[in-house]
Amino acid sequence: MVSADLLSCRSSQLIKLLSPAGYLSNVASSPSSPSSAADCVDGGPEWLIEAGPGQRINITLWDFGRRFQADSLPRTRLSGCVKYATVTEMNSVDRSDEKIVCGAQPTATGRLHYVYTSVGNAVKIRLHVIANEHSESQSSSTPRFLIHYQS
């Protein structure tokens, strides 16, 4: 499982994931202090996932935030969804190949949701909702989720 630390949330660098399969967590680690994860919302690093030539990448969502009150994050709220992440094809020249990952939807059944299968062999993922590891999941106003990727 991979997650950002709160320092990397302030960075705009592209971070390449080396494993052909894994999980991205929206819980940011803070090794030295329980500081706020507010700097991570819509400003964290982008994660690069590459498969071999001719392969595609499957993306699924494990959503643990269904109890979450979606109105508490208005900056990430879209019509009917909380914007958890954005998946973008690396070879995309415009935003037409951008997939928004929605979560915390009251109509969703179960925790596991298919999100996307890439067209090419490389995608970028940016998480838009980041939780602090020091906050209690039951009392936190931020939903928890994992994004599973596999080539």
Protein backbone atom coordinates (compact mmCIF):
# COMPACT_ATOMS: atom_id res chain seq x y z
CA MET A 1 0.00 0.00 0.00
CA VAL A 2 1.24 3.47 -0.91
CA SER A 3 0.23 6.78 0.65
CA ALA A 4 1.67 10.27 0.61
CA ASP A 5 3.32 11.81 3.60
CA LEU A 6 2.16 15.29 4.45
CA LEU A 7 5.37 16.84 3.08
CA SER A 8 4.94 15.26 -0.36
CA CYS A 9 1.40 16.62 -0.46
CA ARG A 10 2.86 20.05 -1.06
CA SER A 11 4.85 18.78 -4.03
CA SER A 12 3.62 18.76 -7.62
CA GLN A 13 6.00 16.01 -8.71
CA LEU A 14 4.93 12.85 -10.53
CA ILE A 15 5.72 9.76 -8.45
CA LYS A 16 6.22 6.51 -10.36
CA LEU A 17 4.89 3.33 -8.77
CA LEU A 18 7.13 0.36 -9.52
CA SER A 19 4.82 -2.52 -8.59
CA PRO A 20 2.48 -3.93 -11.29
CA ALA A 21 -0.32 -4.06 -8.68
CA GLY A 22 -1.03 -2.30 -5.42
CA TYR A 23 -3.17 0.09 -3.45
CA LEU A 24 -3.15 3.88 -3.08
CA SER A 25 -4.41 5.04 0.30
CA ASN A 26 -5.93 8.43 0.94
CA VAL A 27 -4.58 8.42 4.49
CA ALA A 28 -1.49 10.63 4.58
CA SER A 29 1.19 9.64 7.02
CA SER A 30 2.77 12.21 9.28
CA PRO A 31 5.79 10.63 10.99
CA SER A 32 6.71 13.60 13.17
CA SER A 33 3.43 15.22 14.16
CA PRO A 34 -0.33 14.94 13.81
CA SER A 35 -0.53 18.07 11.65
CA SER A 36 -3.48 18.82 9.44
CA ALA A 37 -3.83 17.13 6.07
CA ALA A 38 -5.58 20.18 4.63
CA ASP A 39 -2.55 20.91 2.42
CA CYS A 40 -3.22 17.65 0.58
CA VAL A 41 -6.72 18.41 -0.65
CA ASP A 42 -6.49 18.92 -4.42
CA GLY A 43 -2.77 19.56 -4.11
CA GLY A 44 -1.06 16.22 -3.57
CA PRO A 45 1.34 14.43 -5.84
CA GLU A 46 0.27 12.57 -8.94
CA TRP A 47 1.01 8.85 -9.03
CA LEU A 48 2.23 7.32 -12.31
CA ILE A 49 1.32 3.72 -13.06
CA GLU A 50 2.90 2.08 -16.10
CA ALA A 51 2.26 -1.35 -17.58
CA GLY A 52 4.19 -3.11 -20.32
CA PRO A 53 3.61 -2.23 -23.99
CA GLY A 54 0.17 -3.44 -25.09
CA GLN A 55 -1.05 -3.97 -21.52
CA ARG A 56 -3.84 -2.04 -19.81
CA ILE A 57 -4.37 -1.01 -16.20
CA ASN A 58 -7.48 -1.83 -14.16
CA ILE A 59 -8.55 0.59 -11.42
CA THR A 60 -11.02 -0.28 -8.64
CA LEU A 61 -12.18 1.60 -5.56
CA TRP A 62 -12.56 0.27 -2.02
CA ASP A 63 -14.87 2.87 -0.47
CA PHE A 64 -15.06 2.97 3.32
CA GLY A 65 -16.73 6.40 3.35
CA ARG A 66 -20.36 5.59 2.62
CA ARG A 67 -21.46 6.93 6.05
CA PHE A 68 -19.61 10.13 5.28
CA GLN A 69 -21.58 13.39 4.97
CA ALA A 70 -20.68 14.49 1.45
CA ASP A 71 -21.56 18.13 2.14
CA SER A 72 -18.62 18.53 4.51
CA LEU A 73 -16.10 18.78 1.63
CA PRO A 74 -17.64 21.34 -0.75
CA ARG A 75 -14.37 21.87 -2.68
CA THR A 76 -14.38 18.26 -3.81
CA ARG A 77 -18.14 17.85 -4.23
CA LEU A 78 -19.59 17.33 -7.70
CA SER A 79 -23.20 16.78 -8.62
CA GLY A 80 -24.11 13.58 -6.75
CA CYS A 81 -20.59 12.56 -5.78
CA VAL A 82 -17.55 13.34 -3.68
CA LYS A 83 -14.52 13.59 -5.99
CA TYR A 84 -12.05 11.12 -4.47
CA ALA A 85 -9.54 11.02 -7.34
CA THR A 86 -8.87 11.70 -11.01
CA VAL A 87 -7.42 9.12 -13.41
CA THR A 88 -5.84 10.51 -16.57
CA GLU A 89 -4.31 8.66 -19.52
CA MET A 90 -0.65 9.61 -19.93
CA ASN A 91 -0.96 9.96 -23.70
CA SER A 92 -3.93 12.33 -23.38
CA VAL A 93 -3.35 15.81 -24.80
CA ASP A 94 -6.60 17.18 -23.39
CA ARG A 95 -8.89 16.20 -20.53
CA SER A 96 -11.12 13.95 -22.68
CA ASP A 97 -9.43 10.84 -21.24
CA GLU A 98 -9.91 11.98 -17.63
CA LYS A 99 -12.01 9.79 -15.35
CA ILE A 100 -13.36 11.18 -12.08
CA VAL A 101 -13.54 8.67 -9.23
CA CYS A 102 -16.64 9.37 -7.14
CA GLY A 103 -17.25 8.04 -3.67
CA ALA A 104 -19.32 8.32 -0.50
CA GLN A 105 -22.46 7.85 -2.55
CA PRO A 106 -25.52 6.83 -0.54
CA THR A 107 -26.91 4.83 -3.46
CA ALA A 108 -23.77 2.69 -3.84
CA THR A 109 -24.04 -0.94 -2.84
CA GLY A 110 -21.03 -2.53 -1.20
CA ARG A 111 -17.53 -1.16 -0.78
CA LEU A 112 -15.86 -2.42 -3.98
CA HIS A 113 -16.51 -0.48 -7.22
CA TYR A 114 -15.05 -0.87 -10.71
CA VAL A 115 -13.63 2.50 -11.79
CA TYR A 116 -11.70 2.32 -15.04
CA THR A 117 -9.64 0.24 -17.47
CA SER A 118 -6.96 2.26 -19.24
CA VAL A 119 -6.82 2.67 -22.99
CA GLY A 120 -3.02 2.84 -23.05
CA ASN A 121 -0.34 1.39 -20.82
CA ALA A 122 0.15 4.38 -18.48
CA VAL A 123 -2.12 6.47 -16.26
CA LYS A 124 -1.74 9.23 -13.67
CA ILE A 125 -3.82 9.24 -10.50
CA ARG A 126 -4.32 12.29 -8.29
CA LEU A 127 -6.14 11.89 -4.98
CA HIS A 128 -8.37 14.82 -4.03
CA VAL A 129 -9.50 13.79 -0.53
CA ILE A 130 -6.71 13.10 1.96
CA ALA A 131 -7.22 11.97 5.55
CA ASN A 132 -4.72 12.34 8.39
CA GLU A 133 -3.53 9.05 9.90
CA HIS A 134 -3.88 10.54 13.39
CA SER A 135 -7.62 11.20 13.10
CA GLU A 136 -10.12 8.58 14.23
CA SER A 137 -11.98 7.07 11.26
CA GLN A 138 -15.32 7.17 13.10
CA SER A 139 -15.01 10.84 14.10
CA SER A 140 -13.16 12.15 11.06
CA SER A 141 -15.02 14.32 8.55
CA THR A 142 -12.91 12.78 5.76
CA PRO A 143 -13.91 9.48 4.13
CA ARG A 144 -11.38 6.65 3.91
CA PHE A 145 -10.74 4.74 0.70
CA LEU A 146 -8.21 2.65 -1.24
CA ILE A 147 -7.64 2.69 -4.98
CA HIS A 148 -6.46 -0.67 -6.31
CA TYR A 149 -4.45 -0.71 -9.52
CA GLN A 150 -3.35 -3.75 -11.51
CA SER A 151 -1.69 -4.17 -14.89
